[in-house]
N, C-alpha and C. Protein backbone atom coordinates (compact mmCIF):
# COMPACT_ATOMS: atom_id res chain seq x y z
N MET A 1 -29.42 40.60 -11.61
CA MET A 1 -30.57 40.64 -10.39
C MET A 1 -30.87 42.03 -9.86
N ALA A 2 -32.24 42.38 -9.59
CA ALA A 2 -32.71 43.55 -9.51
C ALA A 2 -31.89 44.30 -8.13
N ALA A 3 -31.69 45.64 -8.18
CA ALA A 3 -30.98 46.24 -7.08
C ALA A 3 -31.63 46.08 -5.74
N ASP A 4 -32.94 45.92 -5.90
CA ASP A 4 -33.83 45.78 -4.67
C ASP A 4 -34.03 44.55 -4.12
N ARG A 5 -33.19 43.58 -4.66
CA ARG A 5 -33.17 42.24 -4.10
C ARG A 5 -31.99 41.71 -3.68
N CYS A 6 -32.01 40.71 -2.68
CA CYS A 6 -30.89 40.27 -2.02
C CYS A 6 -30.04 39.40 -3.09
N LEU A 7 -28.72 39.70 -2.97
CA LEU A 7 -27.64 38.96 -3.86
C LEU A 7 -27.70 37.56 -3.70
N ASP A 8 -27.94 37.04 -2.48
CA ASP A 8 -27.92 35.46 -2.07
C ASP A 8 -29.22 34.85 -2.63
N CYS A 9 -30.35 35.22 -1.81
CA CYS A 9 -31.62 34.47 -2.10
C CYS A 9 -32.87 34.99 -3.09
N ASP A 10 -32.45 36.43 -3.46
CA ASP A 10 -33.24 37.10 -4.58
C ASP A 10 -34.48 37.60 -3.97
N SER A 11 -34.70 37.40 -2.41
CA SER A 11 -35.86 38.08 -2.04
C SER A 11 -35.89 39.70 -1.89
N ARG A 12 -36.94 40.22 -1.83
CA ARG A 12 -37.18 41.60 -1.82
C ARG A 12 -36.52 42.25 -0.55
N LEU A 13 -35.56 43.20 -0.89
CA LEU A 13 -35.04 43.94 0.42
C LEU A 13 -36.24 44.73 1.00
N PRO A 14 -36.14 45.06 2.35
CA PRO A 14 -36.97 46.06 2.92
C PRO A 14 -36.63 47.44 2.40
N PRO A 15 -37.59 48.51 2.64
CA PRO A 15 -37.46 49.74 1.99
C PRO A 15 -36.17 50.48 2.66
N GLU A 16 -35.69 50.12 3.79
CA GLU A 16 -34.46 50.93 4.36
C GLU A 16 -33.21 50.09 3.64
N GLY A 17 -33.39 49.07 2.89
CA GLY A 17 -32.28 48.52 2.32
C GLY A 17 -31.81 47.16 3.00
N GLY A 18 -30.72 46.74 2.45
CA GLY A 18 -30.06 45.58 3.16
C GLY A 18 -28.70 45.96 3.64
N ILE A 19 -27.65 44.90 3.57
CA ILE A 19 -26.38 44.99 3.95
C ILE A 19 -25.48 45.08 2.80
N GLU A 20 -24.66 45.90 2.66
CA GLU A 20 -23.64 46.17 1.64
C GLU A 20 -22.78 45.00 1.48
N SER A 21 -22.24 44.45 0.53
CA SER A 21 -21.41 43.42 0.23
C SER A 21 -20.02 44.16 0.50
N ALA A 22 -19.12 43.28 1.25
CA ALA A 22 -17.74 43.87 1.53
C ALA A 22 -16.76 43.72 0.21
N PHE A 23 -17.46 43.11 -0.81
CA PHE A 23 -16.61 42.74 -1.97
C PHE A 23 -16.84 43.70 -3.06
N SER A 24 -15.63 44.29 -3.60
CA SER A 24 -15.88 45.35 -4.64
C SER A 24 -16.44 44.79 -5.87
N ARG A 25 -16.31 43.54 -6.28
CA ARG A 25 -16.84 42.87 -7.38
C ARG A 25 -18.48 42.64 -7.26
N GLU A 26 -18.92 42.78 -6.18
CA GLU A 26 -20.26 42.65 -6.00
C GLU A 26 -21.16 43.95 -5.86
N ASP A 27 -22.04 44.23 -6.81
CA ASP A 27 -22.83 45.54 -6.71
C ASP A 27 -24.09 45.14 -6.32
N GLY A 28 -24.42 45.42 -4.93
CA GLY A 28 -25.65 44.96 -4.31
C GLY A 28 -25.61 44.88 -2.98
N GLN A 29 -26.59 44.33 -2.35
CA GLN A 29 -26.82 44.17 -1.04
C GLN A 29 -27.37 42.83 -0.53
N TYR A 30 -27.10 42.33 0.52
CA TYR A 30 -27.81 41.12 1.15
C TYR A 30 -29.09 41.43 1.99
N CYS A 31 -30.05 40.43 2.31
CA CYS A 31 -30.89 40.59 3.15
C CYS A 31 -30.32 40.21 4.66
N GLN A 32 -31.06 40.71 5.69
CA GLN A 32 -30.70 40.33 7.13
C GLN A 32 -30.60 38.75 7.24
N ASP A 33 -31.64 38.06 6.66
CA ASP A 33 -31.82 36.70 7.02
C ASP A 33 -30.64 35.92 6.41
N CYS A 34 -30.21 36.21 5.13
CA CYS A 34 -29.17 35.44 4.62
C CYS A 34 -27.71 35.70 5.33
N VAL A 35 -27.56 36.91 5.69
CA VAL A 35 -26.30 37.51 6.48
C VAL A 35 -26.30 36.77 7.85
N ALA A 36 -27.52 36.56 8.65
CA ALA A 36 -27.51 36.23 9.88
C ALA A 36 -27.71 34.86 10.00
N THR A 37 -27.97 33.86 8.82
CA THR A 37 -28.32 32.54 8.81
C THR A 37 -27.07 31.74 8.87
N PRO A 38 -27.01 30.69 9.77
CA PRO A 38 -25.99 29.80 9.85
C PRO A 38 -26.15 28.70 8.60
N ARG A 39 -25.02 28.12 8.25
CA ARG A 39 -24.89 27.21 7.31
C ARG A 39 -24.38 26.04 7.87
N ILE A 40 -25.08 24.90 7.62
CA ILE A 40 -24.69 23.56 8.20
C ILE A 40 -24.61 22.52 7.17
N ALA A 41 -23.45 21.82 7.15
CA ALA A 41 -23.17 20.60 6.22
C ALA A 41 -23.39 19.38 7.06
N LEU A 42 -24.16 18.42 6.04
CA LEU A 42 -24.46 17.09 6.72
C LEU A 42 -23.33 16.20 5.76
N VAL A 43 -22.36 15.71 6.15
CA VAL A 43 -21.38 15.06 5.41
C VAL A 43 -21.42 13.51 5.45
N GLY A 44 -21.58 12.74 4.33
CA GLY A 44 -21.46 11.32 4.47
C GLY A 44 -20.05 10.77 4.74
N CYS A 45 -20.21 9.78 5.56
CA CYS A 45 -18.91 9.13 5.97
C CYS A 45 -18.29 8.46 5.07
N GLY A 46 -16.93 7.84 5.24
CA GLY A 46 -16.12 7.08 4.14
C GLY A 46 -15.74 5.68 4.57
N SER A 47 -15.54 4.82 3.52
CA SER A 47 -15.15 3.66 3.69
C SER A 47 -13.53 3.24 4.00
N ALA A 48 -12.76 4.36 3.77
CA ALA A 48 -11.36 4.27 4.05
C ALA A 48 -11.13 4.88 5.51
N LYS A 49 -10.73 4.19 6.50
CA LYS A 49 -10.57 4.51 7.74
C LYS A 49 -9.00 4.30 8.33
N GLN A 50 -8.74 4.95 9.29
CA GLN A 50 -7.44 4.61 10.08
C GLN A 50 -7.58 3.16 10.52
N ASP A 51 -6.53 2.52 10.59
CA ASP A 51 -6.29 1.31 11.33
C ASP A 51 -6.06 1.57 12.87
N LEU A 52 -6.95 1.23 13.65
CA LEU A 52 -6.66 1.50 15.07
C LEU A 52 -6.59 0.16 15.87
N ASP A 53 -5.78 0.27 17.11
CA ASP A 53 -5.94 -0.80 17.85
C ASP A 53 -7.27 -1.08 18.48
N ASP A 54 -7.47 -2.27 19.24
CA ASP A 54 -8.63 -2.48 19.78
C ASP A 54 -8.87 -1.57 21.07
N GLY A 55 -10.07 -1.08 20.88
CA GLY A 55 -10.13 -0.01 22.16
C GLY A 55 -9.71 1.29 21.97
N GLU A 56 -8.84 1.45 20.83
CA GLU A 56 -8.43 2.83 20.50
C GLU A 56 -9.48 3.83 19.90
N THR A 57 -9.65 4.83 20.26
CA THR A 57 -10.31 5.81 19.58
C THR A 57 -9.98 7.11 18.92
N VAL A 58 -10.60 7.74 18.11
CA VAL A 58 -10.15 9.07 17.62
C VAL A 58 -11.32 9.94 17.35
N PRO A 59 -11.26 11.19 17.38
CA PRO A 59 -12.57 12.09 16.79
C PRO A 59 -12.97 11.57 15.29
N ALA A 60 -14.31 11.41 15.42
CA ALA A 60 -14.83 11.04 14.07
C ALA A 60 -14.30 11.70 12.81
N LYS A 61 -13.98 12.90 12.85
CA LYS A 61 -13.70 13.66 11.64
C LYS A 61 -12.28 13.28 11.27
N ASP A 62 -11.46 12.50 12.05
CA ASP A 62 -10.25 11.95 11.76
C ASP A 62 -10.13 10.53 11.34
N LEU A 63 -11.45 9.74 11.75
CA LEU A 63 -11.39 8.26 11.56
C LEU A 63 -11.04 8.18 9.81
N TYR A 64 -11.92 8.89 9.07
CA TYR A 64 -12.03 8.80 7.65
C TYR A 64 -10.87 9.37 6.87
N THR A 65 -10.34 8.47 5.98
CA THR A 65 -9.04 8.94 5.39
C THR A 65 -8.93 9.20 3.98
N SER A 66 -10.11 8.93 3.13
CA SER A 66 -9.92 9.08 1.72
C SER A 66 -9.84 10.51 1.43
N PRO A 67 -9.33 10.86 0.23
CA PRO A 67 -9.27 12.17 -0.33
C PRO A 67 -10.72 12.74 -0.49
N TYR A 68 -11.67 12.13 -0.89
CA TYR A 68 -13.05 12.49 -1.07
C TYR A 68 -13.49 12.92 0.35
N PHE A 69 -13.37 12.07 1.37
CA PHE A 69 -13.97 12.85 2.64
C PHE A 69 -13.41 14.00 3.02
N SER A 70 -11.93 13.89 3.00
CA SER A 70 -11.19 15.03 3.31
C SER A 70 -11.74 16.18 2.74
N LEU A 71 -11.96 16.21 1.37
CA LEU A 71 -12.36 17.32 0.74
C LEU A 71 -13.90 17.94 1.10
N LYS A 72 -14.57 16.80 1.43
CA LYS A 72 -15.92 17.44 1.82
C LYS A 72 -15.77 18.04 3.31
N ARG A 73 -14.86 17.30 4.17
CA ARG A 73 -14.59 18.04 5.44
C ARG A 73 -14.06 19.51 5.37
N GLU A 74 -13.16 19.44 4.41
CA GLU A 74 -12.59 20.97 4.19
C GLU A 74 -13.67 21.92 3.86
N TYR A 75 -14.55 21.51 2.93
CA TYR A 75 -15.57 22.42 2.67
C TYR A 75 -16.53 22.69 3.69
N ALA A 76 -17.03 21.68 4.81
CA ALA A 76 -17.77 21.89 5.87
C ALA A 76 -16.93 22.79 6.64
N GLU A 77 -15.69 22.78 7.05
CA GLU A 77 -14.91 23.57 7.96
C GLU A 77 -14.70 24.92 7.30
N GLU A 78 -14.59 25.02 6.19
CA GLU A 78 -14.12 26.43 5.49
C GLU A 78 -15.45 27.24 5.11
N CYS A 79 -16.51 26.38 4.78
CA CYS A 79 -17.58 27.14 3.95
C CYS A 79 -18.78 27.11 4.84
N CYS A 80 -18.94 26.48 5.94
CA CYS A 80 -20.08 26.28 6.80
C CYS A 80 -19.70 26.80 8.12
N ASP A 81 -20.76 27.01 8.77
CA ASP A 81 -20.59 27.33 10.21
C ASP A 81 -20.42 26.16 11.19
N GLU A 82 -21.00 25.00 10.76
CA GLU A 82 -21.15 23.69 11.67
C GLU A 82 -21.25 22.64 10.81
N TRP A 83 -20.95 21.40 11.17
CA TRP A 83 -21.15 20.41 10.46
C TRP A 83 -21.21 19.12 11.22
N GLN A 84 -22.05 18.18 10.46
CA GLN A 84 -22.12 16.78 11.21
C GLN A 84 -22.01 15.79 10.17
N ILE A 85 -21.79 14.54 10.70
CA ILE A 85 -21.31 13.33 9.94
C ILE A 85 -22.46 12.37 9.85
N LEU A 86 -23.04 11.88 8.58
CA LEU A 86 -23.95 10.78 8.52
C LEU A 86 -23.05 9.39 8.38
N SER A 87 -23.01 8.88 9.53
CA SER A 87 -22.22 7.59 9.70
C SER A 87 -23.16 6.28 9.39
N ALA A 88 -22.67 5.37 8.65
CA ALA A 88 -23.53 4.11 8.46
C ALA A 88 -23.62 3.17 9.61
N LYS A 89 -22.75 3.55 10.60
CA LYS A 89 -22.90 2.76 11.85
C LYS A 89 -23.37 3.67 12.93
N HIS A 90 -23.06 4.81 13.17
CA HIS A 90 -23.54 5.69 14.34
C HIS A 90 -24.89 6.63 13.87
N GLY A 91 -25.17 6.77 12.81
CA GLY A 91 -26.20 7.79 12.34
C GLY A 91 -25.50 9.24 12.29
N LEU A 92 -26.36 9.98 12.95
CA LEU A 92 -25.89 11.45 13.10
C LEU A 92 -24.84 11.54 14.03
N LEU A 93 -23.66 12.06 13.65
CA LEU A 93 -22.47 12.01 14.51
C LEU A 93 -21.76 13.23 14.36
N ASP A 94 -21.33 13.94 15.65
CA ASP A 94 -20.68 14.91 15.78
C ASP A 94 -19.27 14.66 15.50
N PRO A 95 -18.63 15.53 14.44
CA PRO A 95 -17.07 15.34 14.32
C PRO A 95 -16.04 15.19 15.29
N GLU A 96 -16.62 15.65 16.51
CA GLU A 96 -15.46 15.76 17.49
C GLU A 96 -15.88 14.34 18.69
N THR A 97 -16.70 13.48 18.34
CA THR A 97 -17.36 12.30 19.16
C THR A 97 -16.15 11.40 19.02
N GLU A 98 -15.54 10.91 19.93
CA GLU A 98 -14.48 9.68 19.90
C GLU A 98 -15.20 8.48 19.56
N ILE A 99 -14.72 7.85 18.35
CA ILE A 99 -15.26 6.55 18.09
C ILE A 99 -14.43 5.60 17.75
N GLU A 100 -14.49 4.25 17.77
CA GLU A 100 -13.54 3.25 17.33
C GLU A 100 -13.72 2.95 15.88
N HIS A 101 -12.69 2.18 15.34
CA HIS A 101 -12.85 1.67 13.90
C HIS A 101 -14.09 0.87 13.76
N TYR A 102 -14.72 0.88 12.66
CA TYR A 102 -16.08 0.11 12.37
C TYR A 102 -16.07 -0.12 10.72
N ASP A 103 -16.64 -1.14 10.45
CA ASP A 103 -16.88 -1.58 9.14
C ASP A 103 -18.31 -1.84 9.02
N ALA A 104 -18.81 -0.90 8.24
CA ALA A 104 -20.29 -0.63 7.95
C ALA A 104 -20.56 0.19 6.74
N SER A 105 -21.38 -0.20 5.92
CA SER A 105 -21.87 0.68 4.82
C SER A 105 -23.22 0.49 4.58
N LEU A 106 -23.99 1.54 3.97
CA LEU A 106 -25.19 1.69 3.36
C LEU A 106 -25.21 1.23 2.01
N ASN A 107 -24.21 0.78 1.37
CA ASN A 107 -24.15 0.59 -0.15
C ASN A 107 -24.50 -0.93 -0.26
N PRO A 108 -25.43 -1.14 -1.00
CA PRO A 108 -25.90 -2.57 -1.19
C PRO A 108 -24.94 -3.33 -2.01
N GLN A 109 -23.94 -2.76 -2.60
CA GLN A 109 -23.10 -3.41 -3.43
C GLN A 109 -21.70 -3.61 -2.53
N SER A 110 -21.61 -3.09 -1.35
CA SER A 110 -20.29 -3.25 -0.56
C SER A 110 -20.45 -4.41 0.04
N ASP A 111 -19.11 -5.01 0.30
CA ASP A 111 -19.08 -6.24 1.29
C ASP A 111 -19.55 -5.76 2.91
N SER A 112 -19.58 -4.65 3.12
CA SER A 112 -19.73 -4.29 4.37
C SER A 112 -21.15 -3.70 4.48
N TYR A 113 -22.08 -3.99 3.74
CA TYR A 113 -23.44 -3.40 3.76
C TYR A 113 -24.03 -4.01 4.73
N ILE A 114 -24.71 -3.33 5.67
CA ILE A 114 -25.48 -3.65 6.82
C ILE A 114 -26.71 -4.41 6.47
N GLY A 115 -27.25 -4.48 5.41
CA GLY A 115 -28.55 -5.22 5.15
C GLY A 115 -29.74 -4.30 4.99
N ASP A 116 -30.78 -4.89 4.39
CA ASP A 116 -31.82 -4.03 3.93
C ASP A 116 -32.57 -3.55 5.19
N TYR A 117 -32.90 -4.44 6.05
CA TYR A 117 -33.76 -4.33 7.22
C TYR A 117 -32.97 -3.40 8.05
N GLU A 118 -31.55 -3.61 8.46
CA GLU A 118 -30.90 -2.70 9.12
C GLU A 118 -30.63 -1.21 8.61
N ALA A 119 -30.83 -1.16 7.38
CA ALA A 119 -30.67 0.16 6.79
C ALA A 119 -31.80 0.92 6.88
N GLY A 120 -32.86 0.26 6.94
CA GLY A 120 -34.29 0.88 7.26
C GLY A 120 -34.45 1.32 8.62
N VAL A 121 -33.83 0.39 9.53
CA VAL A 121 -33.69 0.78 11.01
C VAL A 121 -32.68 2.23 11.15
N TRP A 122 -31.60 2.09 10.29
CA TRP A 122 -30.91 3.38 10.42
C TRP A 122 -31.57 4.62 9.94
N ALA A 123 -32.30 4.60 8.79
CA ALA A 123 -32.84 5.64 8.28
C ALA A 123 -33.87 6.19 9.35
N VAL A 124 -34.76 5.43 9.93
CA VAL A 124 -35.48 5.78 10.92
C VAL A 124 -35.08 6.53 12.17
N GLU A 125 -33.97 5.80 12.86
CA GLU A 125 -33.33 6.37 13.93
C GLU A 125 -32.35 7.49 13.54
N THR A 126 -31.95 7.67 12.35
CA THR A 126 -31.08 8.91 11.90
C THR A 126 -32.11 10.03 11.52
N ALA A 127 -33.17 9.65 11.23
CA ALA A 127 -34.24 10.89 10.85
C ALA A 127 -34.66 11.44 12.31
N GLN A 128 -34.94 10.55 13.25
CA GLN A 128 -35.17 11.10 14.57
C GLN A 128 -34.26 11.90 15.26
N SER A 129 -32.89 11.40 14.99
CA SER A 129 -31.83 12.33 15.47
C SER A 129 -31.71 13.57 14.84
N LEU A 130 -32.00 13.53 13.55
CA LEU A 130 -31.94 14.83 12.73
C LEU A 130 -33.01 15.80 13.41
N SER A 131 -34.37 15.20 13.57
CA SER A 131 -35.23 15.94 13.85
C SER A 131 -35.01 16.57 15.28
N VAL A 132 -34.48 15.93 16.25
CA VAL A 132 -34.07 16.58 17.51
C VAL A 132 -33.00 17.53 17.52
N TRP A 133 -32.06 17.32 16.69
CA TRP A 133 -30.77 18.13 16.57
C TRP A 133 -31.24 19.30 15.96
N THR A 134 -32.00 19.31 14.75
CA THR A 134 -32.23 20.58 13.93
C THR A 134 -33.25 21.41 14.61
N SER A 135 -34.04 20.75 15.64
CA SER A 135 -35.14 21.48 16.17
C SER A 135 -34.42 22.56 17.19
N LEU A 136 -33.21 22.43 17.54
CA LEU A 136 -32.35 23.56 18.18
C LEU A 136 -31.69 24.41 17.46
N LYS A 137 -31.89 24.39 16.15
CA LYS A 137 -31.28 25.43 15.32
C LYS A 137 -32.42 26.46 14.94
N ILE A 138 -31.88 27.64 14.44
CA ILE A 138 -32.99 28.64 14.09
C ILE A 138 -33.63 28.26 12.57
N PRO A 139 -34.86 28.60 12.49
CA PRO A 139 -35.70 28.13 11.53
C PRO A 139 -35.10 28.52 9.94
N TYR A 140 -34.23 29.43 10.01
CA TYR A 140 -33.71 29.93 8.53
C TYR A 140 -32.32 29.22 8.33
N THR A 141 -31.99 28.32 9.06
CA THR A 141 -30.69 27.73 8.87
C THR A 141 -30.64 27.05 7.29
N HIS A 142 -29.56 27.18 6.79
CA HIS A 142 -29.34 26.57 5.42
C HIS A 142 -28.50 25.36 5.65
N TYR A 143 -28.88 24.16 5.14
CA TYR A 143 -28.33 22.87 5.12
C TYR A 143 -27.99 22.51 3.79
N VAL A 144 -26.54 21.96 3.72
CA VAL A 144 -25.83 21.66 2.60
C VAL A 144 -25.58 19.93 2.71
N VAL A 145 -26.27 19.13 1.89
CA VAL A 145 -25.94 17.73 2.07
C VAL A 145 -25.04 17.18 1.11
N LEU A 146 -23.99 16.84 1.85
CA LEU A 146 -22.79 16.34 1.13
C LEU A 146 -22.62 14.73 1.27
N ALA A 147 -23.90 14.09 0.72
CA ALA A 147 -23.85 12.59 1.01
C ALA A 147 -24.76 11.97 -0.31
N GLY A 148 -24.45 10.89 -0.49
CA GLY A 148 -25.01 10.11 -1.70
C GLY A 148 -26.35 9.76 -1.33
N GLU A 149 -27.00 9.21 -2.28
CA GLU A 149 -28.40 8.22 -2.01
C GLU A 149 -28.44 7.28 -1.20
N ASP A 150 -27.30 6.80 -0.96
CA ASP A 150 -27.39 5.49 0.11
C ASP A 150 -27.86 6.17 1.39
N TYR A 151 -27.54 7.49 1.69
CA TYR A 151 -27.64 8.19 3.09
C TYR A 151 -29.18 8.65 2.83
N VAL A 152 -29.36 9.58 1.68
CA VAL A 152 -30.29 10.55 1.86
C VAL A 152 -31.33 10.17 1.01
N GLY A 153 -31.37 9.05 0.24
CA GLY A 153 -32.43 8.52 -0.58
C GLY A 153 -33.49 7.79 0.10
N HIS A 154 -33.13 7.43 1.65
CA HIS A 154 -34.38 6.82 2.41
C HIS A 154 -35.59 7.82 2.69
N ARG A 155 -36.66 7.33 2.57
CA ARG A 155 -37.85 8.06 2.49
C ARG A 155 -37.89 8.84 3.86
N HIS A 156 -37.52 8.26 5.03
CA HIS A 156 -37.54 8.94 6.48
C HIS A 156 -36.43 10.11 6.61
N ILE A 157 -35.30 9.88 5.89
CA ILE A 157 -34.41 10.91 5.80
C ILE A 157 -34.95 12.06 4.93
N GLU A 158 -35.32 11.90 3.77
CA GLU A 158 -35.82 12.83 2.95
C GLU A 158 -37.07 13.61 3.43
N ASP A 159 -37.82 12.84 4.09
CA ASP A 159 -39.08 13.56 4.72
C ASP A 159 -38.59 14.55 5.67
N GLU A 160 -37.57 14.01 6.71
CA GLU A 160 -37.27 15.05 7.64
C GLU A 160 -36.59 16.18 7.11
N LEU A 161 -35.60 16.07 5.95
CA LEU A 161 -34.81 17.31 5.58
C LEU A 161 -35.94 18.10 4.82
N ASP A 162 -36.81 17.41 4.23
CA ASP A 162 -37.65 18.26 3.65
C ASP A 162 -38.65 19.28 4.34
N ARG A 163 -38.62 19.20 5.63
CA ARG A 163 -39.46 20.10 6.54
C ARG A 163 -38.69 21.20 6.77
N HIS A 164 -37.41 21.48 6.21
CA HIS A 164 -36.78 22.65 6.49
C HIS A 164 -36.84 23.47 5.01
N ARG A 165 -36.73 24.81 5.44
CA ARG A 165 -36.81 25.68 4.33
C ARG A 165 -35.71 25.75 3.14
N HIS A 166 -34.51 25.56 3.78
CA HIS A 166 -33.42 25.76 3.02
C HIS A 166 -32.45 24.48 2.85
N VAL A 167 -32.58 23.66 1.89
CA VAL A 167 -31.86 22.10 1.90
C VAL A 167 -31.16 22.18 0.61
N ALA A 168 -30.01 22.14 0.47
CA ALA A 168 -29.17 22.08 -0.78
C ALA A 168 -28.74 20.74 -0.99
N TYR A 169 -28.72 20.08 -2.29
CA TYR A 169 -28.31 18.52 -2.53
C TYR A 169 -27.33 18.74 -3.77
N PRO A 170 -26.26 19.34 -3.59
CA PRO A 170 -25.45 19.64 -4.76
C PRO A 170 -24.92 18.43 -5.50
N PHE A 171 -24.94 17.20 -4.86
CA PHE A 171 -24.43 16.11 -5.50
C PHE A 171 -25.45 15.28 -6.25
N ARG A 172 -26.80 16.01 -6.30
CA ARG A 172 -27.86 15.33 -7.17
C ARG A 172 -27.83 16.16 -8.51
N ARG A 173 -27.10 17.06 -8.62
CA ARG A 173 -26.96 17.83 -10.06
C ARG A 173 -26.48 17.04 -10.95
N ASP A 174 -27.07 16.96 -12.32
CA ASP A 174 -26.73 15.95 -13.33
C ASP A 174 -25.30 15.86 -13.65
N ASP A 175 -24.81 17.12 -13.62
CA ASP A 175 -23.23 17.19 -13.96
C ASP A 175 -22.17 16.71 -12.85
N LEU A 176 -22.85 16.24 -11.71
CA LEU A 176 -21.95 16.06 -10.48
C LEU A 176 -22.18 14.43 -10.06
N GLY A 177 -22.35 13.65 -11.06
CA GLY A 177 -22.73 12.21 -10.79
C GLY A 177 -21.63 11.32 -10.46
N GLY A 178 -20.52 11.57 -10.57
CA GLY A 178 -19.28 10.92 -10.10
C GLY A 178 -18.45 11.59 -9.06
N ILE A 179 -17.71 10.90 -8.40
CA ILE A 179 -16.85 11.33 -7.26
C ILE A 179 -15.81 12.23 -7.87
N GLY A 180 -15.38 12.04 -8.86
CA GLY A 180 -14.51 13.10 -9.34
C GLY A 180 -15.07 14.55 -9.81
N ASP A 181 -16.26 14.20 -10.33
CA ASP A 181 -16.95 15.59 -10.53
C ASP A 181 -17.35 16.40 -9.27
N GLN A 182 -17.74 15.62 -8.35
CA GLN A 182 -18.04 16.26 -6.93
C GLN A 182 -16.75 16.74 -6.34
N GLN A 183 -15.62 16.10 -6.47
CA GLN A 183 -14.45 16.68 -5.96
C GLN A 183 -13.80 18.02 -6.69
N GLY A 184 -14.20 17.90 -7.74
CA GLY A 184 -13.88 19.38 -8.57
C GLY A 184 -14.79 20.31 -8.05
N TRP A 185 -16.07 20.09 -7.93
CA TRP A 185 -17.01 20.89 -7.57
C TRP A 185 -16.54 21.50 -5.94
N LEU A 186 -16.35 20.42 -5.18
CA LEU A 186 -15.94 21.05 -3.84
C LEU A 186 -14.66 21.88 -3.92
N ARG A 187 -13.61 21.46 -4.51
CA ARG A 187 -12.59 22.39 -4.77
C ARG A 187 -12.51 23.64 -5.24
N GLU A 188 -13.60 23.87 -6.25
CA GLU A 188 -13.81 25.11 -6.83
C GLU A 188 -14.73 26.03 -5.76
N GLN A 189 -15.77 25.35 -4.90
CA GLN A 189 -16.34 26.20 -4.16
C GLN A 189 -15.45 26.52 -2.96
N ILE A 190 -14.64 25.64 -2.36
CA ILE A 190 -13.60 26.22 -1.47
C ILE A 190 -12.64 27.31 -1.91
N ASP A 191 -12.19 27.09 -3.12
CA ASP A 191 -11.16 28.21 -3.56
C ASP A 191 -12.01 29.33 -3.71
N ASN A 192 -13.22 29.45 -4.18
CA ASN A 192 -13.95 30.80 -4.51
C ASN A 192 -14.83 31.27 -3.43
N TYR A 193 -14.69 30.67 -2.32
CA TYR A 193 -15.82 30.98 -1.39
C TYR A 193 -15.45 32.26 -0.53
N HIS A 194 -16.86 32.94 -0.56
CA HIS A 194 -16.60 34.33 0.29
C HIS A 194 -18.14 34.19 1.18
N PRO A 195 -17.96 34.76 2.14
CA PRO A 195 -19.00 34.49 3.35
C PRO A 195 -20.61 34.62 3.26
N PRO A 196 -21.08 35.04 2.18
CA PRO A 196 -22.77 35.13 2.04
C PRO A 196 -23.37 33.94 2.61
N GLY A 197 -24.31 34.03 3.68
CA GLY A 197 -24.85 32.85 4.20
C GLY A 197 -24.49 32.52 5.63
N GLN A 198 -23.28 33.02 6.01
CA GLN A 198 -22.80 32.60 7.26
C GLN A 198 -23.19 33.65 8.34
N ALA A 199 -22.85 33.40 9.58
CA ALA A 199 -23.78 33.92 10.83
C ALA A 199 -22.90 35.22 11.04
N ASP A 200 -21.72 35.49 10.95
CA ASP A 200 -20.79 36.57 11.26
C ASP A 200 -21.01 37.89 10.59
N ILE A 201 -21.90 38.63 10.78
CA ILE A 201 -22.34 39.88 10.09
C ILE A 201 -21.08 40.71 9.84
N GLU A 202 -20.19 40.71 10.41
CA GLU A 202 -19.09 41.69 10.24
C GLU A 202 -18.35 41.20 8.84
N HIS A 203 -18.29 40.02 8.47
CA HIS A 203 -17.69 39.56 7.29
C HIS A 203 -18.36 40.36 6.08
N PHE A 204 -19.52 40.71 6.11
CA PHE A 204 -20.52 41.26 5.12
C PHE A 204 -20.52 42.61 5.02
N ALA A 205 -20.54 43.46 6.14
CA ALA A 205 -21.03 44.68 6.24
C ALA A 205 -19.83 45.64 5.67
N ALA A 206 -20.03 46.27 4.75
CA ALA A 206 -18.81 47.32 4.36
C ALA A 206 -18.61 48.42 5.23
N ASP A 207 -17.39 48.90 5.29
CA ASP A 207 -17.04 49.73 6.39
C ASP A 207 -18.17 51.09 6.58
N GLY A 208 -18.77 51.26 7.68
CA GLY A 208 -19.66 52.28 7.90
C GLY A 208 -20.93 52.21 7.15
N GLY A 209 -21.24 51.03 6.84
CA GLY A 209 -22.62 50.93 6.28
C GLY A 209 -23.35 49.48 6.39
N GLY A 210 -24.70 49.78 6.16
CA GLY A 210 -25.54 48.39 6.20
C GLY A 210 -25.94 47.85 7.51
N GLU A 211 -25.06 48.05 8.74
CA GLU A 211 -25.41 47.32 9.87
C GLU A 211 -26.42 48.02 10.38
N ARG A 212 -27.56 47.23 11.32
CA ARG A 212 -28.74 47.95 11.71
C ARG A 212 -28.58 47.03 13.35
């Protein structure tokens, strides 16, 4: 990558330069947009859930118990500034929202499938919620979608996400077609993560340099 381009997005740096990486293995700079831009994960829910008594609630992030969801949650909490859950019952869901156990799925092969019509309604309503919620975020926000096609393959969801400048769908990669492959990718990303793309500029600026 050219020395006059951002290490993250490859955009051309301004004449005064960018922000030096704090990591000795990285020879280059980051642009202001990438350093100051928050990263938000959209995480698909899971079918395995806690057994709760009638009327009992837990934070949404604690309801889902599968290792797959737990790894997506770890990625969202460790590698992103913020995250939301895409729930087959509740749509766009804050991880801290208290909810009861439920049995609903967007997978047509599941016994808990909510039905074609209901899935269409879900997509419309969830896209509307995404539109309202993302309108409160800065324009350069990066979104990382950790959900399968049953969630994001609906036209209304895709159209809403396509409005944004930076949206990544890592699970659409050809080599990440299975859950095992996705878990391996998540584990590697978590273990090798360092902060480019997150909002706290102090993580990036080398001592005495780069800050403006």
